[in-house]
């Protein structure tokens, strides 16, 4: 480990970057778990946004159908 990184007291997998002051986790398996969880959150958010867009489209189409039915009934 270079002099740029200092070991954090009482934390085996953490080091402090002396240039930025940031804390870095050196445990690669914890990082992989974090990335998996992050991908799941992003995927879940994207899926929810897609569902909301689909619902809004269906609502707009239902409004159009309702409007057409009302016009058809008035024309009779």
N, C-alpha and C. Protein backbone atom coordinates (compact mmCIF):
# COMPACT_ATOMS: atom_id res chain seq x y z
N UNK A 1 0.86 -1.17 0.00
CA UNK A 1 0.00 0.00 0.00
C UNK A 1 0.91 1.24 0.00
N UNK A 2 0.63 2.20 -0.87
CA UNK A 2 1.48 3.39 -0.97
C UNK A 2 1.19 4.35 0.18
N UNK A 3 2.00 5.38 0.26
CA UNK A 3 1.82 6.36 1.34
C UNK A 3 0.59 7.23 1.10
N UNK A 4 -0.01 7.10 -0.07
CA UNK A 4 -1.23 7.85 -0.35
C UNK A 4 -2.40 7.36 0.48
N UNK A 5 -2.36 6.09 0.89
CA UNK A 5 -3.47 5.49 1.63
C UNK A 5 -3.05 5.17 3.06
N UNK A 6 -3.89 5.54 4.00
CA UNK A 6 -3.65 5.24 5.41
C UNK A 6 -4.74 4.31 5.91
N UNK A 7 -4.33 3.28 6.65
CA UNK A 7 -5.29 2.33 7.21
C UNK A 7 -6.18 3.03 8.23
N UNK A 8 -7.48 2.76 8.17
CA UNK A 8 -8.44 3.32 9.12
C UNK A 8 -8.39 2.46 10.38
N UNK A 9 -8.30 3.13 11.53
CA UNK A 9 -8.23 2.41 12.80
C UNK A 9 -9.46 1.53 13.00
N UNK A 10 -9.25 0.36 13.51
CA UNK A 10 -10.27 -0.63 13.89
C UNK A 10 -11.14 -1.09 12.71
N UNK A 11 -10.73 -0.80 11.48
CA UNK A 11 -11.47 -1.26 10.29
C UNK A 11 -10.49 -1.95 9.36
N UNK A 12 -10.64 -3.25 9.21
CA UNK A 12 -9.68 -4.04 8.45
C UNK A 12 -9.69 -3.72 6.96
N UNK A 13 -10.85 -3.43 6.39
CA UNK A 13 -10.97 -3.27 4.94
C UNK A 13 -11.10 -1.82 4.48
N UNK A 14 -10.86 -0.86 5.35
CA UNK A 14 -11.00 0.53 4.96
C UNK A 14 -9.67 1.26 5.01
N UNK A 15 -9.45 2.11 4.00
CA UNK A 15 -8.26 2.98 3.97
C UNK A 15 -8.73 4.39 3.62
N UNK A 16 -7.94 5.37 4.03
CA UNK A 16 -8.24 6.77 3.72
C UNK A 16 -7.27 7.25 2.65
N UNK A 17 -7.83 7.86 1.59
CA UNK A 17 -7.02 8.47 0.54
C UNK A 17 -6.55 9.83 1.06
N UNK A 18 -5.25 10.00 1.24
CA UNK A 18 -4.74 11.24 1.83
C UNK A 18 -4.87 12.43 0.88
N UNK A 19 -5.01 12.20 -0.42
CA UNK A 19 -5.15 13.31 -1.37
C UNK A 19 -6.57 13.84 -1.43
N UNK A 20 -7.55 12.95 -1.33
CA UNK A 20 -8.95 13.39 -1.44
C UNK A 20 -9.68 13.38 -0.10
N UNK A 21 -9.14 12.64 0.87
CA UNK A 21 -9.79 12.52 2.17
C UNK A 21 -10.88 11.46 2.18
N UNK A 22 -11.10 10.79 1.05
CA UNK A 22 -12.16 9.79 0.95
C UNK A 22 -11.79 8.48 1.61
N UNK A 23 -12.81 7.74 1.99
CA UNK A 23 -12.62 6.41 2.57
C UNK A 23 -12.86 5.38 1.47
N UNK A 24 -11.98 4.41 1.34
CA UNK A 24 -12.07 3.39 0.30
C UNK A 24 -12.17 2.03 0.96
N UNK A 25 -13.15 1.24 0.50
CA UNK A 25 -13.31 -0.12 0.98
C UNK A 25 -12.47 -1.02 0.07
N UNK A 26 -11.53 -1.74 0.61
CA UNK A 26 -10.64 -2.59 -0.19
C UNK A 26 -11.15 -4.02 -0.32
N UNK A 27 -12.31 -4.31 0.23
CA UNK A 27 -12.88 -5.66 0.16
C UNK A 27 -13.65 -5.79 -1.15
N UNK A 28 -13.12 -6.55 -2.09
CA UNK A 28 -13.73 -6.65 -3.42
C UNK A 28 -15.08 -7.38 -3.39
N UNK A 29 -15.25 -8.36 -2.51
CA UNK A 29 -16.53 -9.07 -2.46
C UNK A 29 -17.64 -8.16 -1.96
N UNK A 30 -17.37 -7.28 -1.02
CA UNK A 30 -18.37 -6.32 -0.56
C UNK A 30 -18.71 -5.35 -1.69
N UNK A 31 -17.71 -4.97 -2.47
CA UNK A 31 -17.95 -4.07 -3.60
C UNK A 31 -18.86 -4.74 -4.63
N UNK A 32 -18.60 -6.01 -4.93
CA UNK A 32 -19.43 -6.74 -5.88
C UNK A 32 -20.87 -6.83 -5.39
N UNK A 33 -21.07 -7.09 -4.10
CA UNK A 33 -22.43 -7.12 -3.54
C UNK A 33 -23.11 -5.76 -3.68
N UNK A 34 -22.35 -4.71 -3.41
CA UNK A 34 -22.89 -3.35 -3.55
C UNK A 34 -23.33 -3.10 -4.99
N UNK A 35 -22.50 -3.48 -5.96
CA UNK A 35 -22.82 -3.25 -7.37
C UNK A 35 -24.05 -4.06 -7.79
N UNK A 36 -24.18 -5.28 -7.29
CA UNK A 36 -25.36 -6.10 -7.60
C UNK A 36 -26.63 -5.44 -7.06
N UNK A 37 -26.56 -4.96 -5.81
CA UNK A 37 -27.72 -4.30 -5.21
C UNK A 37 -28.07 -3.02 -5.97
N UNK A 38 -27.05 -2.28 -6.38
CA UNK A 38 -27.26 -1.04 -7.12
C UNK A 38 -27.94 -1.33 -8.46
N UNK A 39 -27.48 -2.36 -9.17
CA UNK A 39 -28.08 -2.73 -10.45
C UNK A 39 -29.55 -3.12 -10.26
N UNK A 40 -29.84 -3.84 -9.19
CA UNK A 40 -31.23 -4.23 -8.91
C UNK A 40 -32.11 -3.01 -8.65
N UNK A 41 -31.57 -2.02 -7.90
CA UNK A 41 -32.33 -0.80 -7.63
C UNK A 41 -32.61 -0.03 -8.92
N UNK A 42 -31.58 0.10 -9.77
CA UNK A 42 -31.74 0.81 -11.03
C UNK A 42 -32.75 0.09 -11.91
N UNK A 43 -32.64 -1.22 -11.99
CA UNK A 43 -33.56 -2.02 -12.80
C UNK A 43 -34.99 -1.87 -12.28
N UNK A 44 -35.15 -1.92 -10.98
CA UNK A 44 -36.47 -1.79 -10.37
C UNK A 44 -37.07 -0.41 -10.67
N UNK A 45 -36.26 0.63 -10.58
CA UNK A 45 -36.72 1.99 -10.86
C UNK A 45 -37.13 2.12 -12.32
N UNK A 46 -36.31 1.58 -13.22
CA UNK A 46 -36.64 1.64 -14.64
C UNK A 46 -37.94 0.89 -14.95
N UNK A 47 -38.12 -0.26 -14.32
CA UNK A 47 -39.33 -1.04 -14.53
C UNK A 47 -40.56 -0.26 -14.04
N UNK A 48 -40.45 0.38 -12.88
CA UNK A 48 -41.56 1.16 -12.34
C UNK A 48 -41.89 2.33 -13.26
N UNK A 49 -40.88 2.99 -13.80
CA UNK A 49 -41.12 4.10 -14.72
C UNK A 49 -41.82 3.61 -15.99
N UNK A 50 -41.40 2.46 -16.47
CA UNK A 50 -42.03 1.87 -17.66
C UNK A 50 -43.50 1.55 -17.40
N UNK A 51 -43.78 0.97 -16.26
CA UNK A 51 -45.17 0.64 -15.89
C UNK A 51 -46.01 1.92 -15.79
N UNK A 52 -45.45 2.96 -15.20
CA UNK A 52 -46.18 4.23 -15.08
C UNK A 52 -46.48 4.83 -16.45
N UNK A 53 -45.51 4.77 -17.38
CA UNK A 53 -45.75 5.27 -18.73
C UNK A 53 -46.87 4.48 -19.41
N UNK A 54 -46.84 3.17 -19.24
CA UNK A 54 -47.87 2.31 -19.84
C UNK A 54 -49.24 2.63 -19.27
N UNK A 55 -49.33 2.82 -17.98
CA UNK A 55 -50.61 3.16 -17.34
C UNK A 55 -51.12 4.50 -17.86
N UNK A 56 -50.23 5.47 -17.98
CA UNK A 56 -50.64 6.79 -18.48
C UNK A 56 -51.12 6.71 -19.92
N UNK A 57 -50.47 5.87 -20.72
CA UNK A 57 -50.92 5.67 -22.11
C UNK A 57 -52.30 5.04 -22.13
N UNK A 58 -52.52 4.02 -21.30
CA UNK A 58 -53.83 3.38 -21.23
C UNK A 58 -54.91 4.35 -20.77
N UNK A 59 -54.58 5.20 -19.82
CA UNK A 59 -55.55 6.19 -19.34
C UNK A 59 -55.94 7.15 -20.47
N UNK A 60 -54.94 7.58 -21.23
CA UNK A 60 -55.22 8.50 -22.34
C UNK A 60 -56.08 7.82 -23.40
N UNK A 61 -55.78 6.57 -23.69
CA UNK A 61 -56.57 5.83 -24.68
C UNK A 61 -58.00 5.62 -24.19
N UNK A 62 -58.18 5.32 -22.92
CA UNK A 62 -59.52 5.15 -22.36
C UNK A 62 -60.31 6.46 -22.45
N UNK A 63 -59.64 7.57 -22.20
CA UNK A 63 -60.31 8.87 -22.30
C UNK A 63 -60.77 9.10 -23.74
N UNK A 64 -59.92 8.76 -24.72
CA UNK A 64 -60.28 8.92 -26.13
C UNK A 64 -61.49 8.04 -26.48
N UNK A 65 -61.48 6.80 -26.01
CA UNK A 65 -62.59 5.88 -26.27
C UNK A 65 -63.88 6.42 -25.64
N UNK A 66 -63.78 6.88 -24.44
CA UNK A 66 -64.95 7.44 -23.74
C UNK A 66 -65.49 8.65 -24.52
N UNK A 67 -64.59 9.50 -24.96
CA UNK A 67 -64.98 10.69 -25.71
C UNK A 67 -65.67 10.30 -27.02
N UNK A 68 -65.14 9.30 -27.71
CA UNK A 68 -65.75 8.83 -28.96
C UNK A 68 -67.13 8.24 -28.71
N UNK A 69 -67.28 7.46 -27.64
CA UNK A 69 -68.59 6.89 -27.30
C UNK A 69 -69.62 7.97 -26.99
N UNK A 70 -69.19 8.98 -26.29
CA UNK A 70 -70.11 10.08 -25.96
C UNK A 70 -70.55 10.77 -27.25
N UNK A 71 -69.60 11.02 -28.17
CA UNK A 71 -69.95 11.66 -29.44
C UNK A 71 -70.87 10.80 -30.27
N UNK A 72 -70.63 9.48 -30.26
CA UNK A 72 -71.48 8.58 -31.03
C UNK A 72 -72.90 8.57 -30.48
N UNK A 73 -73.05 8.62 -29.18
CA UNK A 73 -74.39 8.60 -28.55
C UNK A 73 -75.12 9.91 -28.84
N UNK A 74 -74.44 11.02 -28.91
CA UNK A 74 -75.05 12.31 -29.18
C UNK A 74 -75.51 12.40 -30.64
N UNK A 75 -74.79 11.74 -31.52
CA UNK A 75 -75.12 11.78 -32.95
C UNK A 75 -76.39 10.99 -33.28
N UNK A 76 -76.82 10.10 -32.41
CA UNK A 76 -78.00 9.27 -32.69
C UNK A 76 -79.27 9.99 -32.43
